[in-house]
C-alpha atoms as a PDB file:
ATOM      1  CA  MET A   1      -0.001   0.002   0.004  1.00  0.00           C
ATOM      2  CA  SER A   2       1.478   3.354  -0.963  1.00  0.00           C
ATOM      3  CA  LEU A   3       1.911   6.293   1.406  1.00  0.00           C
ATOM      4  CA  ALA A   4      -0.694   8.347  -0.470  1.00  0.00           C
ATOM      5  CA  THR A   5      -3.243   5.526  -0.147  1.00  0.00           C
ATOM      6  CA  LYS A   6      -2.567   5.210   3.569  1.00  0.00           C
ATOM      7  CA  ARG A   7      -3.035   8.961   4.052  1.00  0.00           C
ATOM      8  CA  LEU A   8      -6.297   8.911   2.089  1.00  0.00           C
ATOM      9  CA  LEU A   9      -7.565   5.974   4.147  1.00  0.00           C
ATOM     10  CA  LEU A  10      -6.631   7.746   7.379  1.00  0.00           C
ATOM     11  CA  ALA A  11      -8.341  10.966   6.241  1.00  0.00           C
ATOM     12  CA  PHE A  12     -11.584   9.106   5.428  1.00  0.00           C
ATOM     13  CA  SER A  13     -11.436   7.231   8.745  1.00  0.00           C
ATOM     14  CA  LEU A  14     -11.056  10.446  10.721  1.00  0.00           C
ATOM     15  CA  LEU A  15     -13.848  12.141   8.793  1.00  0.00           C
ATOM     16  CA  GLY A  16     -16.186   9.183   9.355  1.00  0.00           C
ATOM     17  CA  GLY A  17     -15.371   9.148  13.057  1.00  0.00           C
ATOM     18  CA  ALA A  18     -16.032  12.871  13.382  1.00  0.00           C
ATOM     19  CA  LEU A  19     -19.440  12.508  11.713  1.00  0.00           C
ATOM     20  CA  PHE A  20     -20.535   9.747  14.091  1.00  0.00           C
ATOM     21  CA  ALA A  21     -19.105  11.510  17.185  1.00  0.00           C
ATOM     22  CA  SER A  22     -20.977  14.785  16.680  1.00  0.00           C
ATOM     23  CA  PRO A  23     -24.250  15.096  18.603  1.00  0.00           C
ATOM     24  CA  SER A  24     -27.505  15.121  16.694  1.00  0.00           C
ATOM     25  CA  SER A  25     -29.990  17.950  17.228  1.00  0.00           C
ATOM     26  CA  ALA A  26     -32.114  15.598  19.358  1.00  0.00           C
ATOM     27  CA  GLU A  27     -29.212  15.137  21.757  1.00  0.00           C
ATOM     28  CA  MET A  28     -28.523  18.844  22.169  1.00  0.00           C
ATOM     29  CA  THR A  29     -29.937  20.166  25.424  1.00  0.00           C
ATOM     30  CA  TYR A  30     -31.668  23.484  25.977  1.00  0.00           C
ATOM     31  CA  ARG A  31     -29.437  25.479  28.372  1.00  0.00           C
ATOM     32  CA  PRO A  32     -31.442  28.571  29.410  1.00  0.00           C
ATOM     33  CA  TRP A  33     -29.209  29.794  32.305  1.00  0.00           C
ATOM     34  CA  CYS A  34     -25.770  31.453  32.335  1.00  0.00           C
ATOM     35  CA  ALA A  35     -23.427  32.186  35.231  1.00  0.00           C
ATOM     36  CA  GLN A  36     -21.600  35.468  34.782  1.00  0.00           C
ATOM     37  CA  TYR A  37     -18.269  35.869  36.516  1.00  0.00           C
ATOM     38  CA  TYR A  38     -16.451  39.180  36.985  1.00  0.00           C
ATOM     39  CA  GLY A  39     -13.020  39.708  38.454  1.00  0.00           C
ATOM     40  CA  ASN A  40     -10.496  42.532  38.684  1.00  0.00           C
ATOM     41  CA  ASP A  41      -9.230  42.376  35.122  1.00  0.00           C
ATOM     42  CA  SER A  42     -11.368  39.716  33.496  1.00  0.00           C
ATOM     43  CA  GLY A  43     -14.636  37.865  33.545  1.00  0.00           C
ATOM     44  CA  GLY A  44     -16.392  35.010  31.929  1.00  0.00           C
ATOM     45  CA  THR A  45     -19.691  33.424  31.171  1.00  0.00           C
ATOM     46  CA  ASN A  46     -20.773  29.800  31.487  1.00  0.00           C
ATOM     47  CA  CYS A  47     -24.059  29.076  29.717  1.00  0.00           C
ATOM     48  CA  GLY A  48     -24.304  25.392  30.535  1.00  0.00           C
ATOM     49  CA  PHE A  49     -27.136  25.185  33.091  1.00  0.00           C
ATOM     50  CA  VAL A  50     -30.583  23.639  32.685  1.00  0.00           C
ATOM     51  CA  SER A  51     -32.092  25.295  35.804  1.00  0.00           C
ATOM     52  CA  TYR A  52     -31.680  28.446  37.835  1.00  0.00           C
ATOM     53  CA  GLU A  53     -30.972  26.356  40.931  1.00  0.00           C
ATOM     54  CA  GLN A  54     -28.165  24.444  39.159  1.00  0.00           C
ATOM     55  CA  CYS A  55     -26.657  27.729  38.009  1.00  0.00           C
ATOM     56  CA  MET A  56     -26.789  29.264  41.506  1.00  0.00           C
ATOM     57  CA  MET A  57     -25.158  26.198  43.081  1.00  0.00           C
ATOM     58  CA  THR A  58     -22.184  26.766  40.796  1.00  0.00           C
ATOM     59  CA  ALA A  59     -22.166  30.571  41.019  1.00  0.00           C
ATOM     60  CA  ARG A  60     -22.563  30.816  44.755  1.00  0.00           C
ATOM     61  CA  GLY A  61     -19.281  31.584  46.446  1.00  0.00           C
ATOM     62  CA  ALA A  62     -17.519  32.405  43.197  1.00  0.00           C
ATOM     63  CA  GLY A  63     -18.645  36.017  42.882  1.00  0.00           C
ATOM     64  CA  ALA A  64     -21.009  35.197  40.040  1.00  0.00           C
ATOM     65  CA  TRP A  65     -24.713  35.545  39.366  1.00  0.00           C
ATOM     66  CA  CYS A  66     -27.163  33.821  37.046  1.00  0.00           C
ATOM     67  CA  VAL A  67     -29.004  35.349  34.084  1.00  0.00           C
ATOM     68  CA  ARG A  68     -31.113  34.007  31.216  1.00  0.00           C
ATOM     69  CA  ASN A  69     -29.090  32.739  28.243  1.00  0.00           C
ATOM     70  CA  PRO A  70     -29.351  35.474  25.583  1.00  0.00           C
ATOM     71  CA  ASN A  71     -28.205  33.091  22.839  1.00  0.00           C
ATOM     72  CA  VAL A  72     -31.061  30.603  23.104  1.00  0.00           C
ATOM     73  CA  ALA A  73     -34.656  31.186  22.061  1.00  0.00           C
ATOM     74  CA  PRO A  74     -37.161  30.517  24.830  1.00  0.00           C
ATOM     75  CA  GLU A  75     -39.406  27.511  24.568  1.00  0.00           C
ATOM     76  CA  ARG A  76     -42.816  28.148  23.056  1.00  0.00           C
ATOM     77  CA  SER A  77     -45.699  27.968  25.522  1.00  0.00           C
ATOM     78  CA  ASP A  78     -48.547  27.715  22.964  1.00  0.00           C
ATOM     79  CA  ARG A  79     -48.290  23.955  22.388  1.00  0.00           C
ATOM     80  CA  GLY A  80     -51.955  23.304  23.217  1.00  0.00           C
ATOM     81  CA  ARG A  81     -53.407  26.146  21.187  1.00  0.00           C
ATOM     82  CA  ARG A  82     -54.911  25.657  17.768  1.00  0.00           C
ATOM     83  CA  ASN A  83     -55.442  28.258  15.076  1.00  0.00           C
ATOM     84  CA  ARG A  84     -59.094  28.653  14.103  1.00  0.00           C
END
């Protein structure tokens, strides 16, 4: 097997593995809460929380507070309504 063939096979293997390893849209979780951290010269945001309580447990004691995630659309509440 030539070196070029081995490289091509490796490239296709890595691409195939990356496609199967990426999460589908059904596996992605809605994360509506963010912890905002502020320090003397820097700060940060962690938008990985599914509930306000979970966010506060992480933020408490670290000088952070929790806010709604501005990057995620809120869930629709009109599931039971029908248009007439």
